[in-house]
């Protein structure tokens, strides 16, 4: 719970206050009140995706569609502040994988195609780095890691979490840019040992990884 509260930027007092409110009647009205409160508390930075994540941590059983509908009803629209793109390319560090994905972002089965990236953003005066992996079948984040430094452990921990969600028969393609983390022997050996197929964007072609790039920009 402390880790989730940290990620959601919520204090314990806020969490337990909302837990108590969930026992009161008229849940939709309370939900609307809490959405409005959280939206204003965080300076209109929360879109419906992040709002849904936080509401779930507070104990609400809601989905993105309901939160989106209520935010539209309340006329709450997030002010999108795009995270700074973390430039992880440092020249050739190791083996560059071919671009096997080739912008074929459609996927008809789960755990067949994954995309990943690293992004940098600020919370107050603190700089943080996020490494998520997204499933192209349902466009959902299946694992992520958040750290204060862009070290390899940021990516390796994310990968370990993602691998733990797979069945033994599932061996996805995983696509990234040419960041130094993805060129390391440790990363590539982990992929190989689990039967992954590695794919990389061409240098300077951010559209080769457009889905995860778009997700990182549009999830305030």
C-alpha atoms as a PDB file:
ATOM      1  CA  UNK A   1       0.000   0.000   0.000  1.00  0.00           C
ATOM      2  CA  UNK A   2       2.759   2.614   0.789  1.00  0.00           C
ATOM      3  CA  UNK A   3       4.253   2.080  -2.709  1.00  0.00           C
ATOM      4  CA  UNK A   4       0.874   2.596  -4.383  1.00  0.00           C
ATOM      5  CA  UNK A   5       0.191   5.712  -2.314  1.00  0.00           C
ATOM      6  CA  UNK A   6       3.606   7.066  -3.306  1.00  0.00           C
ATOM      7  CA  UNK A   7       3.009   6.432  -7.012  1.00  0.00           C
ATOM      8  CA  UNK A   8      -0.449   7.991  -6.817  1.00  0.00           C
ATOM      9  CA  UNK A   9       0.978  10.956  -4.838  1.00  0.00           C
ATOM     10  CA  UNK A  10      -1.577  10.453  -2.035  1.00  0.00           C
ATOM     11  CA  UNK A  11      -1.121  10.906   1.696  1.00  0.00           C
ATOM     12  CA  UNK A  12      -2.314   8.248   4.143  1.00  0.00           C
ATOM     13  CA  UNK A  13      -4.818  10.718   5.613  1.00  0.00           C
ATOM     14  CA  UNK A  14      -6.347  11.294   2.166  1.00  0.00           C
ATOM     15  CA  UNK A  15      -6.576   7.551   1.567  1.00  0.00           C
ATOM     16  CA  UNK A  16      -8.339   6.769   4.854  1.00  0.00           C
ATOM     17  CA  UNK A  17     -10.640   9.780   4.531  1.00  0.00           C
ATOM     18  CA  UNK A  18     -11.895   8.466   1.197  1.00  0.00           C
ATOM     19  CA  UNK A  19     -12.174   4.932   2.572  1.00  0.00           C
ATOM     20  CA  UNK A  20     -14.596   6.231   5.211  1.00  0.00           C
ATOM     21  CA  UNK A  21     -16.640   8.092   2.603  1.00  0.00           C
ATOM     22  CA  UNK A  22     -17.166   4.869   0.637  1.00  0.00           C
ATOM     23  CA  UNK A  23     -19.388   3.554   3.435  1.00  0.00           C
ATOM     24  CA  UNK A  24     -21.794   6.473   3.001  1.00  0.00           C
ATOM     25  CA  UNK A  25     -24.894   6.378   0.715  1.00  0.00           C
ATOM     26  CA  UNK A  26     -25.238   7.815  -2.811  1.00  0.00           C
ATOM     27  CA  UNK A  27     -21.938   6.493  -4.150  1.00  0.00           C
ATOM     28  CA  UNK A  28     -22.143   8.244  -7.534  1.00  0.00           C
ATOM     29  CA  UNK A  29     -22.539  11.637  -5.905  1.00  0.00           C
ATOM     30  CA  UNK A  30     -19.613  10.890  -3.616  1.00  0.00           C
ATOM     31  CA  UNK A  31     -17.623   9.697  -6.608  1.00  0.00           C
ATOM     32  CA  UNK A  32     -18.343  12.936  -8.482  1.00  0.00           C
ATOM     33  CA  UNK A  33     -17.379  14.959  -5.412  1.00  0.00           C
ATOM     34  CA  UNK A  34     -14.117  13.059  -5.046  1.00  0.00           C
ATOM     35  CA  UNK A  35     -13.307  13.366  -8.744  1.00  0.00           C
ATOM     36  CA  UNK A  36     -13.807  17.123  -8.541  1.00  0.00           C
ATOM     37  CA  UNK A  37     -11.745  17.356  -5.367  1.00  0.00           C
ATOM     38  CA  UNK A  38      -8.841  15.322  -6.767  1.00  0.00           C
ATOM     39  CA  UNK A  39      -8.961  17.186 -10.081  1.00  0.00           C
ATOM     40  CA  UNK A  40      -8.673  20.574  -8.362  1.00  0.00           C
ATOM     41  CA  UNK A  41      -6.174  19.339  -5.773  1.00  0.00           C
ATOM     42  CA  UNK A  42      -3.797  18.310  -8.546  1.00  0.00           C
ATOM     43  CA  UNK A  43      -4.174  21.486 -10.625  1.00  0.00           C
ATOM     44  CA  UNK A  44      -6.243  19.973 -13.458  1.00  0.00           C
ATOM     45  CA  UNK A  45      -3.423  17.557 -14.333  1.00  0.00           C
ATOM     46  CA  UNK A  46      -5.437  14.332 -14.050  1.00  0.00           C
ATOM     47  CA  UNK A  47      -7.091  12.835 -17.106  1.00  0.00           C
ATOM     48  CA  UNK A  48      -9.577   9.996 -16.804  1.00  0.00           C
ATOM     49  CA  UNK A  49      -6.921   7.257 -16.993  1.00  0.00           C
ATOM     50  CA  UNK A  50      -4.856   8.534 -14.078  1.00  0.00           C
ATOM     51  CA  UNK A  51      -8.025   9.506 -12.210  1.00  0.00           C
ATOM     52  CA  UNK A  52      -9.279   5.914 -12.559  1.00  0.00           C
ATOM     53  CA  UNK A  53      -5.984   4.567 -11.192  1.00  0.00           C
ATOM     54  CA  UNK A  54      -6.141   6.824  -8.132  1.00  0.00           C
ATOM     55  CA  UNK A  55      -9.820   6.146  -7.466  1.00  0.00           C
ATOM     56  CA  UNK A  56      -9.094   2.413  -7.460  1.00  0.00           C
ATOM     57  CA  UNK A  57      -6.358   2.960  -4.865  1.00  0.00           C
ATOM     58  CA  UNK A  58      -8.976   4.794  -2.787  1.00  0.00           C
ATOM     59  CA  UNK A  59     -11.269   1.770  -2.930  1.00  0.00           C
ATOM     60  CA  UNK A  60     -13.702   2.645  -5.702  1.00  0.00           C
ATOM     61  CA  UNK A  61     -14.748  -0.150  -8.066  1.00  0.00           C
ATOM     62  CA  UNK A  62     -14.764   1.896 -11.265  1.00  0.00           C
ATOM     63  CA  UNK A  63     -13.600   1.521 -14.845  1.00  0.00           C
ATOM     64  CA  UNK A  64     -12.162   4.073 -17.237  1.00  0.00           C
ATOM     65  CA  UNK A  65     -15.393   4.492 -19.192  1.00  0.00           C
ATOM     66  CA  UNK A  66     -17.390   5.484 -16.126  1.00  0.00           C
ATOM     67  CA  UNK A  67     -14.745   7.918 -14.910  1.00  0.00           C
ATOM     68  CA  UNK A  68     -14.469   9.424 -18.386  1.00  0.00           C
ATOM     69  CA  UNK A  69     -18.260   9.840 -18.561  1.00  0.00           C
ATOM     70  CA  UNK A  70     -18.460  11.502 -15.153  1.00  0.00           C
ATOM     71  CA  UNK A  71     -15.552  13.830 -15.919  1.00  0.00           C
ATOM     72  CA  UNK A  72     -17.263  14.860 -19.148  1.00  0.00           C
ATOM     73  CA  UNK A  73     -20.496  15.428 -17.208  1.00  0.00           C
ATOM     74  CA  UNK A  74     -18.584  17.579 -14.724  1.00  0.00           C
ATOM     75  CA  UNK A  75     -16.773  19.321 -17.612  1.00  0.00           C
ATOM     76  CA  UNK A  76     -13.382  18.429 -16.216  1.00  0.00           C
ATOM     77  CA  UNK A  77     -10.709  18.292 -18.880  1.00  0.00           C
ATOM     78  CA  UNK A  78      -7.069  17.777 -17.992  1.00  0.00           C
ATOM     79  CA  UNK A  79      -4.427  20.238 -19.040  1.00  0.00           C
ATOM     80  CA  UNK A  80      -1.936  17.982 -20.808  1.00  0.00           C
ATOM     81  CA  UNK A  81       1.674  18.610 -19.882  1.00  0.00           C
ATOM     82  CA  UNK A  82       3.767  16.283 -21.984  1.00  0.00           C
ATOM     83  CA  UNK A  83       6.604  14.544 -20.117  1.00  0.00           C
ATOM     84  CA  UNK A  84      10.081  15.289 -21.313  1.00  0.00           C
ATOM     85  CA  UNK A  85      11.346  12.615 -23.661  1.00  0.00           C
ATOM     86  CA  UNK A  86      14.277  10.855 -22.046  1.00  0.00           C
ATOM     87  CA  UNK A  87      17.069  10.593 -24.595  1.00  0.00           C
ATOM     88  CA  UNK A  88      18.547   7.213 -23.828  1.00  0.00           C
ATOM     89  CA  UNK A  89      20.491   6.802 -27.067  1.00  0.00           C
ATOM     90  CA  UNK A  90      24.243   7.109 -26.497  1.00  0.00           C
ATOM     91  CA  UNK A  91      25.596   5.678 -29.677  1.00  0.00           C
ATOM     92  CA  UNK A  92      26.213   1.991 -30.172  1.00  0.00           C
ATOM     93  CA  UNK A  93      26.635   0.216 -26.828  1.00  0.00           C
ATOM     94  CA  UNK A  94      25.854  -3.311 -27.968  1.00  0.00           C
ATOM     95  CA  UNK A  95      23.861  -5.236 -30.541  1.00  0.00           C
ATOM     96  CA  UNK A  96      21.158  -3.313 -32.412  1.00  0.00           C
ATOM     97  CA  UNK A  97      18.118  -5.504 -33.067  1.00  0.00           C
ATOM     98  CA  UNK A  98      16.222  -5.216 -36.379  1.00  0.00           C
ATOM     99  CA  UNK A  99      12.894  -3.400 -36.606  1.00  0.00           C
ATOM    100  CA  UNK A 100      10.696  -6.499 -36.733  1.00  0.00           C
ATOM    101  CA  UNK A 101       7.544  -4.737 -35.522  1.00  0.00           C
ATOM    102  CA  UNK A 102       7.614  -2.415 -38.572  1.00  0.00           C
ATOM    103  CA  UNK A 103       4.795  -0.235 -37.160  1.00  0.00           C
ATOM    104  CA  UNK A 104       2.358  -3.164 -37.253  1.00  0.00           C
ATOM    105  CA  UNK A 105       0.654  -2.137 -34.032  1.00  0.00           C
ATOM    106  CA  UNK A 106      -2.505  -4.212 -34.509  1.00  0.00           C
ATOM    107  CA  UNK A 107      -2.554  -7.420 -32.492  1.00  0.00           C
ATOM    108  CA  UNK A 108      -5.216 -10.131 -32.381  1.00  0.00           C
ATOM    109  CA  UNK A 109      -4.005 -12.105 -29.379  1.00  0.00           C
ATOM    110  CA  UNK A 110      -2.703 -11.222 -25.910  1.00  0.00           C
ATOM    111  CA  UNK A 111       0.989 -11.260 -25.025  1.00  0.00           C
ATOM    112  CA  UNK A 112       2.060 -11.402 -28.640  1.00  0.00           C
ATOM    113  CA  UNK A 113       3.456  -7.864 -29.073  1.00  0.00           C
ATOM    114  CA  UNK A 114       4.802  -5.582 -26.334  1.00  0.00           C
ATOM    115  CA  UNK A 115       6.278  -2.079 -26.615  1.00  0.00           C
ATOM    116  CA  UNK A 116       8.409  -0.280 -24.035  1.00  0.00           C
ATOM    117  CA  UNK A 117      10.227   2.996 -23.460  1.00  0.00           C
ATOM    118  CA  UNK A 118      11.748   5.190 -20.747  1.00  0.00           C
ATOM    119  CA  UNK A 119      10.454   8.669 -20.008  1.00  0.00           C
ATOM    120  CA  UNK A 120      11.519  11.453 -17.665  1.00  0.00           C
ATOM    121  CA  UNK A 121       9.170  13.760 -15.747  1.00  0.00           C
ATOM    122  CA  UNK A 122       9.082  15.977 -12.682  1.00  0.00           C
ATOM    123  CA  UNK A 123       7.054  15.846  -9.488  1.00  0.00           C
ATOM    124  CA  UNK A 124       7.645  19.194  -7.825  1.00  0.00           C
ATOM    125  CA  UNK A 125      11.400  19.727  -7.847  1.00  0.00           C
ATOM    126  CA  UNK A 126      12.182  16.037  -8.169  1.00  0.00           C
ATOM    127  CA  UNK A 127      13.100  14.352 -11.448  1.00  0.00           C
ATOM    128  CA  UNK A 128      11.755  10.817 -11.913  1.00  0.00           C
ATOM    129  CA  UNK A 129      12.135   8.135 -14.582  1.00  0.00           C
ATOM    130  CA  UNK A 130       9.402   5.744 -15.662  1.00  0.00           C
ATOM    131  CA  UNK A 131       9.850   2.485 -17.577  1.00  0.00           C
ATOM    132  CA  UNK A 132       6.510   0.946 -18.653  1.00  0.00           C
ATOM    133  CA  UNK A 133       5.716  -1.945 -20.977  1.00  0.00           C
ATOM    134  CA  UNK A 134       2.472  -1.854 -22.958  1.00  0.00           C
ATOM    135  CA  UNK A 135       0.517  -4.773 -24.425  1.00  0.00           C
ATOM    136  CA  UNK A 136      -0.586  -3.988 -28.000  1.00  0.00           C
ATOM    137  CA  UNK A 137      -3.548  -6.398 -27.839  1.00  0.00           C
ATOM    138  CA  UNK A 138      -5.540  -4.263 -25.391  1.00  0.00           C
ATOM    139  CA  UNK A 139      -3.284  -1.175 -25.159  1.00  0.00           C
ATOM    140  CA  UNK A 140      -2.829  -1.668 -21.398  1.00  0.00           C
ATOM    141  CA  UNK A 141       0.283  -1.203 -19.261  1.00  0.00           C
ATOM    142  CA  UNK A 142       1.148  -4.628 -17.859  1.00  0.00           C
ATOM    143  CA  UNK A 143       4.190  -3.616 -15.785  1.00  0.00           C
ATOM    144  CA  UNK A 144       6.249  -0.551 -14.940  1.00  0.00           C
ATOM    145  CA  UNK A 145       9.090   0.650 -12.728  1.00  0.00           C
ATOM    146  CA  UNK A 146       9.637   4.145 -11.324  1.00  0.00           C
ATOM    147  CA  UNK A 147      13.037   5.386 -10.089  1.00  0.00           C
ATOM    148  CA  UNK A 148      14.962   8.554  -9.373  1.00  0.00           C
ATOM    149  CA  UNK A 149      17.822   7.626 -11.719  1.00  0.00           C
ATOM    150  CA  UNK A 150      17.823   6.162 -15.268  1.00  0.00           C
ATOM    151  CA  UNK A 151      19.926   3.142 -14.282  1.00  0.00           C
ATOM    152  CA  UNK A 152      19.639  -0.298 -15.874  1.00  0.00           C
ATOM    153  CA  UNK A 153      17.718  -1.610 -12.852  1.00  0.00           C
ATOM    154  CA  UNK A 154      14.846   0.658 -13.938  1.00  0.00           C
ATOM    155  CA  UNK A 155      14.416  -1.472 -17.058  1.00  0.00           C
ATOM    156  CA  UNK A 156      15.453  -4.840 -15.623  1.00  0.00           C
ATOM    157  CA  UNK A 157      12.957  -4.598 -12.747  1.00  0.00           C
ATOM    158  CA  UNK A 158      10.185  -3.648 -15.162  1.00  0.00           C
ATOM    159  CA  UNK A 159      11.084  -6.600 -17.380  1.00  0.00           C
ATOM    160  CA  UNK A 160      11.097  -9.004 -14.431  1.00  0.00           C
ATOM    161  CA  UNK A 161       7.603  -7.859 -13.425  1.00  0.00           C
ATOM    162  CA  UNK A 162       6.336  -8.205 -16.994  1.00  0.00           C
ATOM    163  CA  UNK A 163       7.785 -11.698 -17.409  1.00  0.00           C
ATOM    164  CA  UNK A 164       6.052 -12.815 -14.206  1.00  0.00           C
ATOM    165  CA  UNK A 165       2.661 -12.174 -15.859  1.00  0.00           C
ATOM    166  CA  UNK A 166       3.318 -14.618 -18.710  1.00  0.00           C
ATOM    167  CA  UNK A 167       2.348 -18.231 -19.114  1.00  0.00           C
ATOM    168  CA  UNK A 168       5.191 -20.597 -20.003  1.00  0.00           C
ATOM    169  CA  UNK A 169       3.914 -20.839 -23.586  1.00  0.00           C
ATOM    170  CA  UNK A 170       3.774 -17.055 -24.130  1.00  0.00           C
ATOM    171  CA  UNK A 171       6.881 -15.619 -25.781  1.00  0.00           C
ATOM    172  CA  UNK A 172       6.129 -12.098 -27.028  1.00  0.00           C
ATOM    173  CA  UNK A 173       7.954  -9.767 -29.330  1.00  0.00           C
ATOM    174  CA  UNK A 174       9.144  -6.735 -27.354  1.00  0.00           C
ATOM    175  CA  UNK A 175       9.876  -3.493 -29.195  1.00  0.00           C
ATOM    176  CA  UNK A 176      11.859  -0.481 -27.962  1.00  0.00           C
ATOM    177  CA  UNK A 177      13.989   2.350 -29.266  1.00  0.00           C
ATOM    178  CA  UNK A 178      17.784   2.010 -29.458  1.00  0.00           C
ATOM    179  CA  UNK A 179      18.333   3.126 -25.870  1.00  0.00           C
ATOM    180  CA  UNK A 180      21.524   1.860 -24.245  1.00  0.00           C
ATOM    181  CA  UNK A 181      19.566  -0.236 -21.734  1.00  0.00           C
ATOM    182  CA  UNK A 182      18.038  -2.324 -24.523  1.00  0.00           C
ATOM    183  CA  UNK A 183      21.462  -2.935 -26.110  1.00  0.00           C
ATOM    184  CA  UNK A 184      23.044  -4.426 -22.987  1.00  0.00           C
ATOM    185  CA  UNK A 185      23.947  -8.110 -22.929  1.00  0.00           C
ATOM    186  CA  UNK A 186      22.046  -8.536 -19.650  1.00  0.00           C
ATOM    187  CA  UNK A 187      18.803  -7.277 -21.181  1.00  0.00           C
ATOM    188  CA  UNK A 188      19.200  -9.250 -24.390  1.00  0.00           C
ATOM    189  CA  UNK A 189      20.168 -12.446 -22.559  1.00  0.00           C
ATOM    190  CA  UNK A 190      17.088 -12.152 -20.345  1.00  0.00           C
ATOM    191  CA  UNK A 191      14.911 -11.824 -23.434  1.00  0.00           C
ATOM    192  CA  UNK A 192      16.591 -14.786 -25.109  1.00  0.00           C
ATOM    193  CA  UNK A 193      16.300 -17.005 -22.036  1.00  0.00           C
ATOM    194  CA  UNK A 194      12.527 -16.485 -22.022  1.00  0.00           C
ATOM    195  CA  UNK A 195      12.100 -16.897 -25.774  1.00  0.00           C
ATOM    196  CA  UNK A 196      11.332 -13.243 -26.518  1.00  0.00           C
ATOM    197  CA  UNK A 197      11.878 -11.721 -29.947  1.00  0.00           C
ATOM    198  CA  UNK A 198      13.628  -8.344 -29.689  1.00  0.00           C
ATOM    199  CA  UNK A 199      12.723  -5.500 -32.042  1.00  0.00           C
ATOM    200  CA  UNK A 200      14.103  -1.941 -32.140  1.00  0.00           C
ATOM    201  CA  UNK A 201      13.052   1.289 -33.806  1.00  0.00           C
ATOM    202  CA  UNK A 202      15.302   2.722 -36.439  1.00  0.00           C
ATOM    203  CA  UNK A 203      17.493   5.534 -35.113  1.00  0.00           C
ATOM    204  CA  UNK A 204      15.622   8.837 -35.134  1.00  0.00           C
ATOM    205  CA  UNK A 205      12.268   7.247 -36.045  1.00  0.00           C
ATOM    206  CA  UNK A 206      10.011   7.834 -33.038  1.00  0.00           C
ATOM    207  CA  UNK A 207       6.982   6.757 -35.099  1.00  0.00           C
ATOM    208  CA  UNK A 208       8.393   3.218 -35.065  1.00  0.00           C
ATOM    209  CA  UNK A 209       7.329   3.156 -31.398  1.00  0.00           C
ATOM    210  CA  UNK A 210       4.345   5.481 -31.747  1.00  0.00           C
ATOM    211  CA  UNK A 211       1.903   3.667 -29.446  1.00  0.00           C
ATOM    212  CA  UNK A 212       4.007   3.855 -26.286  1.00  0.00           C
ATOM    213  CA  UNK A 213       5.227   7.358 -27.204  1.00  0.00           C
ATOM    214  CA  UNK A 214       1.608   8.492 -27.545  1.00  0.00           C
ATOM    215  CA  UNK A 215       0.612   6.792 -24.294  1.00  0.00           C
ATOM    216  CA  UNK A 216       3.349   8.575 -22.354  1.00  0.00           C
ATOM    217  CA  UNK A 217       2.253  11.958 -23.712  1.00  0.00           C
ATOM    218  CA  UNK A 218      -1.509  11.511 -23.273  1.00  0.00           C
ATOM    219  CA  UNK A 219      -1.786  10.013 -19.779  1.00  0.00           C
ATOM    220  CA  UNK A 220      -1.881  13.037 -17.503  1.00  0.00           C
END
